[in-house]
Amino acid sequence: MAIDRTKIQKQAESFVASGRIDRAIDEFLKLLDDKPNDLLMMNRIGDLYLQGGKTKDAIDMFKRAGIGYERDGFVPKAAAVFKKARRAAPDDADVAARLADLYRQTNMIKDAIQIHIEMAEQFTKKGLLKRALEEFAQVVELDPKNLKNKVKLADLYNKEGMKDRAAAIYLEVAEALAIEQMHSEANQILERAKTMITTPQVFLTQSRLCVIQKDLAGAAAHLREGLAANPRSAEILEALAEVEIQSKNPAKALEALSQVPQLPEKSMALCERALREMAKLGQADEGLK
């Protein structure tokens, strides 16, 4: 049976004007039942629920409206509705996640990052470190050049006992800092990784930090230390050969390469470079031997 929408609308507005919010909501709900996809009405009812102190009902209505706007392709309107919902319920993880995603869709990256950071902090305070990890991972994905956030993510991985992931990020940050000539900070971060793992990557990164500082002797020393922990590591031996060539020690470079099990074809270029250097020194036969 059709309803008199104009009459109900007027009645609802009169209730709003007189401050009878609950009665107004009842009337507006009749209009929404008559047109279930009326997004403007959902938004209006949500506002009234907030005005009446019914936050949960308001959030539910805002979610319906926001999802509807996104479904219909009105992403900025959806974001506006979810932004209002987030102000009303800042601890609602679902609202936060939806709003962050909408910000991504509209290329409002800084706003999306801020939401993920806020949620990560909330989860951390509650002791929900895995959830905090998920949020910080999103932050790093959105802003991969922010080294401070990468360190925070690595710290969370460390707290969760995920040493390999934490160390990998620390090494990445250390190398980035070294490239920016922040050598002291780079070494401090690298030391964190070194307390967790002794894989070749640790020593390869240490070596690269020395190379960046033009300390070839230090680079070679770190690689030899790496060989003690990872005997016959092809990665380390090849890196050592490269450093020795740069240090004008072609014989040592060939010595390192001779220890590589099943020398890969890509390493032949290193052999050729070292042999050429030995030939310049009149030691070609020794190099070939």
Protein backbone atom coordinates (compact mmCIF):
# COMPACT_ATOMS: atom_id res chain seq x y z
CA MET A 1 0.00 0.00 0.00
CA ALA A 2 1.39 3.37 -1.03
CA ILE A 3 2.17 5.90 1.67
CA ASP A 4 1.77 9.65 1.62
CA ARG A 5 5.45 10.57 1.55
CA THR A 6 4.81 14.31 1.57
CA LYS A 7 2.67 14.08 4.68
CA ILE A 8 5.17 11.86 6.50
CA GLN A 9 8.06 14.13 5.50
CA LYS A 10 6.28 17.19 6.91
CA GLN A 11 5.47 15.35 10.11
CA ALA A 12 9.06 14.23 10.51
CA GLU A 13 10.39 17.73 9.93
CA SER A 14 8.00 19.13 12.51
CA PHE A 15 9.26 16.62 15.06
CA VAL A 16 12.85 17.68 14.29
CA ALA A 17 11.93 21.34 14.71
CA SER A 18 10.36 20.65 18.09
CA GLY A 19 13.32 18.56 19.28
CA ARG A 20 11.42 15.28 19.29
CA ILE A 21 14.24 13.37 17.61
CA ASP A 22 13.05 9.83 18.31
CA ARG A 23 9.62 10.58 16.79
CA ALA A 24 11.30 12.18 13.78
CA ILE A 25 13.46 9.11 13.26
CA ASP A 26 10.37 6.86 13.35
CA GLU A 27 8.80 8.91 10.58
CA PHE A 28 11.93 9.02 8.45
CA LEU A 29 12.31 5.24 8.83
CA LYS A 30 8.86 4.88 7.27
CA LEU A 31 10.13 6.80 4.26
CA LEU A 32 13.26 4.64 4.11
CA ASP A 33 11.20 1.46 4.29
CA ASP A 34 9.23 2.78 1.33
CA LYS A 35 12.45 3.53 -0.61
CA PRO A 36 15.18 1.25 0.82
CA ASN A 37 17.89 2.64 -1.49
CA ASP A 38 17.40 6.27 -0.53
CA LEU A 39 20.99 7.12 0.44
CA LEU A 40 20.21 10.71 1.36
CA MET A 41 17.58 9.46 3.80
CA MET A 42 20.01 7.00 5.36
CA ASN A 43 22.49 9.82 5.87
CA ARG A 44 19.79 12.05 7.41
CA ILE A 45 18.64 9.34 9.78
CA GLY A 46 22.24 8.69 10.78
CA ASP A 47 22.64 12.36 11.68
CA LEU A 48 19.49 12.22 13.79
CA TYR A 49 20.65 9.06 15.58
CA LEU A 50 23.84 10.93 16.49
CA GLN A 51 21.83 13.92 17.64
CA GLY A 52 19.79 11.61 19.82
CA GLY A 53 22.86 9.97 21.34
CA LYS A 54 22.39 6.62 19.59
CA THR A 55 25.88 6.26 18.20
CA LYS A 56 25.70 2.57 17.29
CA ASP A 57 22.51 3.05 15.28
CA ALA A 58 24.04 6.09 13.62
CA ILE A 59 27.15 4.18 12.59
CA ASP A 60 25.09 1.33 11.16
CA MET A 61 23.08 3.81 9.09
CA PHE A 62 26.18 5.67 7.92
CA LYS A 63 27.72 2.38 6.84
CA ARG A 64 24.64 1.55 4.78
CA ALA A 65 24.77 4.95 3.13
CA GLY A 66 28.53 4.91 2.55
CA ILE A 67 28.49 1.43 1.05
CA GLY A 68 25.62 2.48 -1.18
CA TYR A 69 27.44 5.56 -2.44
CA GLU A 70 30.57 3.52 -3.19
CA ARG A 71 28.54 0.87 -4.96
CA ASP A 72 26.94 3.53 -7.15
CA GLY A 73 30.31 5.07 -7.99
CA PHE A 74 30.07 8.15 -5.78
CA VAL A 75 33.34 7.54 -3.95
CA PRO A 76 33.88 11.10 -2.59
CA LYS A 77 30.36 11.06 -1.10
CA ALA A 78 31.05 7.65 0.41
CA ALA A 79 34.26 9.00 1.93
CA ALA A 80 32.40 11.98 3.39
CA VAL A 81 29.87 9.70 5.08
CA PHE A 82 32.51 7.36 6.49
CA LYS A 83 34.56 10.34 7.66
CA LYS A 84 31.55 11.47 9.67
CA ALA A 85 31.16 7.95 11.04
CA ARG A 86 34.81 7.84 12.05
CA ARG A 87 34.50 11.10 13.98
CA ALA A 88 31.60 9.58 15.87
CA ALA A 89 33.25 6.20 16.46
CA PRO A 90 37.07 6.49 16.19
CA ASP A 91 37.58 2.96 17.57
CA ASP A 92 35.43 1.29 14.91
CA ALA A 93 38.01 -0.68 12.91
CA ASP A 94 35.60 -1.45 10.07
CA VAL A 95 34.77 2.22 9.55
CA ALA A 96 38.48 3.12 9.62
CA ALA A 97 39.39 0.41 7.11
CA ARG A 98 36.63 1.44 4.72
CA LEU A 99 37.54 5.12 4.95
CA ALA A 100 41.24 4.40 4.38
CA ASP A 101 40.35 2.38 1.29
CA LEU A 102 38.14 5.18 -0.02
CA TYR A 103 40.98 7.65 0.52
CA ARG A 104 43.21 5.37 -1.53
CA GLN A 105 40.65 5.30 -4.32
CA THR A 106 40.53 9.10 -4.40
CA ASN A 107 44.35 9.34 -4.18
CA MET A 108 44.22 10.99 -0.75
CA ILE A 109 47.25 8.99 0.32
CA LYS A 110 48.29 11.15 3.28
CA ASP A 111 44.82 10.83 4.79
CA ALA A 112 44.83 7.06 4.28
CA ILE A 113 48.25 6.81 5.93
CA GLN A 114 47.09 8.86 8.92
CA ILE A 115 44.18 6.50 9.51
CA HIS A 116 46.42 3.43 9.36
CA ILE A 117 48.86 5.04 11.80
CA GLU A 118 46.06 5.94 14.23
CA MET A 119 44.64 2.42 14.07
CA ALA A 120 48.09 0.88 14.54
CA GLU A 121 48.58 2.98 17.66
CA GLN A 122 45.16 1.97 18.99
CA PHE A 123 45.84 -1.72 18.41
CA THR A 124 49.29 -1.41 20.01
CA LYS A 125 47.79 0.14 23.15
CA LYS A 126 45.31 -2.73 23.33
CA GLY A 127 48.12 -5.28 22.97
CA LEU A 128 46.83 -6.42 19.58
CA LEU A 129 50.23 -6.40 17.92
CA LYS A 130 49.24 -8.53 14.94
CA ARG A 131 46.51 -6.06 14.04
CA ALA A 132 48.94 -3.19 14.58
CA LEU A 133 51.36 -4.97 12.25
CA GLU A 134 48.73 -5.13 9.52
CA GLU A 135 48.08 -1.41 9.82
CA PHE A 136 51.77 -0.43 9.76
CA ALA A 137 52.32 -2.72 6.79
CA GLN A 138 49.70 -0.65 4.97
CA VAL A 139 51.50 2.54 5.99
CA VAL A 140 54.80 1.30 4.58
CA GLU A 141 53.11 0.13 1.39
CA LEU A 142 51.60 3.59 0.88
CA ASP A 143 54.75 5.51 1.80
CA PRO A 144 57.76 3.25 1.13
CA LYS A 145 60.27 6.12 1.44
CA ASN A 146 59.37 6.86 5.07
CA LEU A 147 62.17 5.12 6.93
CA LYS A 148 60.83 5.89 10.41
CA ASN A 149 57.65 3.98 9.69
CA LYS A 150 59.67 1.10 8.25
CA VAL A 151 61.63 0.90 11.50
CA LYS A 152 58.38 0.88 13.49
CA LEU A 153 57.11 -1.96 11.33
CA ALA A 154 60.34 -3.90 11.87
CA ASP A 155 60.09 -3.29 15.63
CA LEU A 156 56.58 -4.78 15.63
CA TYR A 157 57.76 -7.81 13.64
CA ASN A 158 60.53 -8.23 16.20
CA LYS A 159 58.08 -8.10 19.12
CA GLU A 160 56.00 -10.78 17.42
CA GLY A 161 59.07 -12.99 17.08
CA MET A 162 59.19 -12.62 13.29
CA LYS A 163 62.95 -12.08 13.28
CA ASP A 164 63.60 -12.70 9.60
CA ARG A 165 61.05 -10.12 8.46
CA ALA A 166 62.24 -7.60 11.02
CA ALA A 167 65.88 -8.05 10.05
CA ALA A 168 65.13 -7.74 6.33
CA ILE A 169 63.49 -4.36 6.91
CA TYR A 170 66.30 -3.18 9.19
CA LEU A 171 68.83 -4.02 6.49
CA GLU A 172 66.81 -2.20 3.86
CA VAL A 173 66.58 0.88 6.09
CA ALA A 174 70.29 0.74 6.93
CA GLU A 175 71.25 0.77 3.28
CA ALA A 176 68.85 3.64 2.53
CA LEU A 177 70.34 5.66 5.40
CA ALA A 178 73.86 5.00 4.14
CA ILE A 179 72.93 6.24 0.68
CA GLU A 180 71.73 9.43 2.36
CA GLN A 181 75.16 9.68 4.04
CA MET A 182 73.66 9.00 7.49
CA HIS A 183 76.33 6.42 8.27
CA SER A 184 76.09 6.39 12.06
CA GLU A 185 72.33 5.83 11.97
CA ALA A 186 72.75 3.18 9.28
CA ASN A 187 75.21 1.21 11.39
CA GLN A 188 72.96 1.41 14.45
CA ILE A 189 70.02 -0.02 12.49
CA LEU A 190 72.20 -2.68 10.92
CA GLU A 191 73.38 -3.82 14.35
CA ARG A 192 69.75 -4.57 15.26
CA ALA A 193 69.55 -6.96 12.34
CA LYS A 194 72.87 -8.54 13.21
CA THR A 195 71.60 -9.52 16.66
CA MET A 196 68.76 -11.44 15.02
CA ILE A 197 70.24 -13.29 12.06
CA THR A 198 73.59 -14.29 10.58
CA THR A 199 72.43 -14.91 7.02
CA PRO A 200 74.55 -13.73 4.07
CA GLN A 201 72.33 -10.68 3.61
CA VAL A 202 73.56 -9.14 6.87
CA PHE A 203 77.19 -9.22 5.79
CA LEU A 204 76.39 -8.24 2.22
CA THR A 205 74.62 -5.15 3.53
CA GLN A 206 77.50 -4.35 5.88
CA SER A 207 79.83 -4.61 2.94
CA ARG A 208 77.72 -2.30 0.80
CA LEU A 209 77.66 0.28 3.61
CA CYS A 210 81.46 0.23 3.63
CA VAL A 211 81.60 0.53 -0.15
CA ILE A 212 79.32 3.56 0.03
CA GLN A 213 81.83 5.07 2.47
CA LYS A 214 84.67 4.05 0.11
CA ASP A 215 86.07 1.69 2.75
CA LEU A 216 86.94 -1.29 0.60
CA ALA A 217 89.09 -2.91 3.28
CA GLY A 218 86.20 -2.80 5.71
CA ALA A 219 83.88 -4.22 3.07
CA ALA A 220 86.21 -7.17 2.49
CA ALA A 221 86.56 -7.75 6.24
CA HIS A 222 82.79 -7.94 6.72
CA LEU A 223 82.44 -10.36 3.82
CA ARG A 224 85.13 -12.63 5.26
CA GLU A 225 83.33 -12.50 8.58
CA GLY A 226 80.21 -13.54 6.68
CA LEU A 227 82.03 -16.50 5.18
CA ALA A 228 82.87 -17.71 8.67
CA ALA A 229 79.15 -17.81 9.45
CA ASN A 230 78.10 -18.96 5.97
CA PRO A 231 80.91 -21.10 4.51
CA ARG A 232 81.12 -21.18 0.70
CA SER A 233 78.15 -18.81 0.27
CA ALA A 234 78.12 -17.98 -3.44
CA GLU A 235 76.61 -14.54 -2.80
CA ILE A 236 79.31 -13.57 -0.33
CA LEU A 237 82.16 -15.00 -2.39
CA GLU A 238 81.02 -13.15 -5.50
CA ALA A 239 80.65 -9.90 -3.53
CA LEU A 240 84.12 -10.44 -2.08
CA ALA A 241 85.55 -10.97 -5.56
CA GLU A 242 83.99 -7.68 -6.70
CA VAL A 243 85.46 -5.81 -3.72
CA GLU A 244 88.91 -7.34 -4.26
CA ILE A 245 88.85 -6.34 -7.93
CA GLN A 246 88.00 -2.77 -6.94
CA SER A 247 90.82 -2.94 -4.38
CA LYS A 248 93.28 -3.94 -7.13
CA ASN A 249 93.69 -7.42 -5.66
CA PRO A 250 92.73 -9.60 -8.66
CA ALA A 251 94.49 -12.68 -7.29
CA LYS A 252 92.38 -12.57 -4.13
CA ALA A 253 89.29 -12.07 -6.30
CA LEU A 254 90.06 -15.25 -8.26
CA GLU A 255 90.83 -17.08 -5.05
CA ALA A 256 87.36 -16.16 -3.75
CA LEU A 257 85.66 -17.21 -6.99
CA SER A 258 87.49 -20.54 -6.98
CA GLN A 259 85.62 -21.42 -3.78
CA VAL A 260 82.18 -20.91 -5.33
CA PRO A 261 80.51 -24.30 -5.74
CA GLN A 262 79.48 -24.74 -9.38
CA LEU A 263 80.44 -21.24 -10.49
CA PRO A 264 77.40 -19.76 -12.28
CA GLU A 265 77.72 -18.30 -15.75
CA LYS A 266 76.97 -14.79 -14.51
CA SER A 267 80.13 -14.90 -12.40
CA MET A 268 82.34 -15.48 -15.43
CA ALA A 269 82.41 -11.73 -16.04
CA LEU A 270 84.08 -11.30 -12.65
CA CYS A 271 86.64 -13.96 -13.57
CA GLU A 272 87.38 -12.21 -16.84
CA ARG A 273 87.85 -8.84 -15.14
CA ALA A 274 90.19 -10.34 -12.56
CA LEU A 275 92.22 -12.14 -15.24
CA ARG A 276 92.59 -8.95 -17.24
CA GLU A 277 93.91 -7.16 -14.16
CA MET A 278 96.40 -9.97 -13.55
CA ALA A 279 97.47 -9.82 -17.18
CA LYS A 280 98.25 -6.12 -16.74
CA LEU A 281 100.48 -7.12 -13.84
CA GLY A 282 102.20 -9.78 -15.96
CA GLN A 283 100.59 -12.57 -13.93
CA ALA A 284 98.24 -14.02 -16.53
CA ASP A 285 99.57 -17.58 -16.20
CA GLU A 286 99.22 -17.51 -12.45
CA GLY A 287 95.67 -16.17 -12.81
CA LEU A 288 94.67 -18.90 -15.25
CA LYS A 289 96.15 -21.52 -12.97
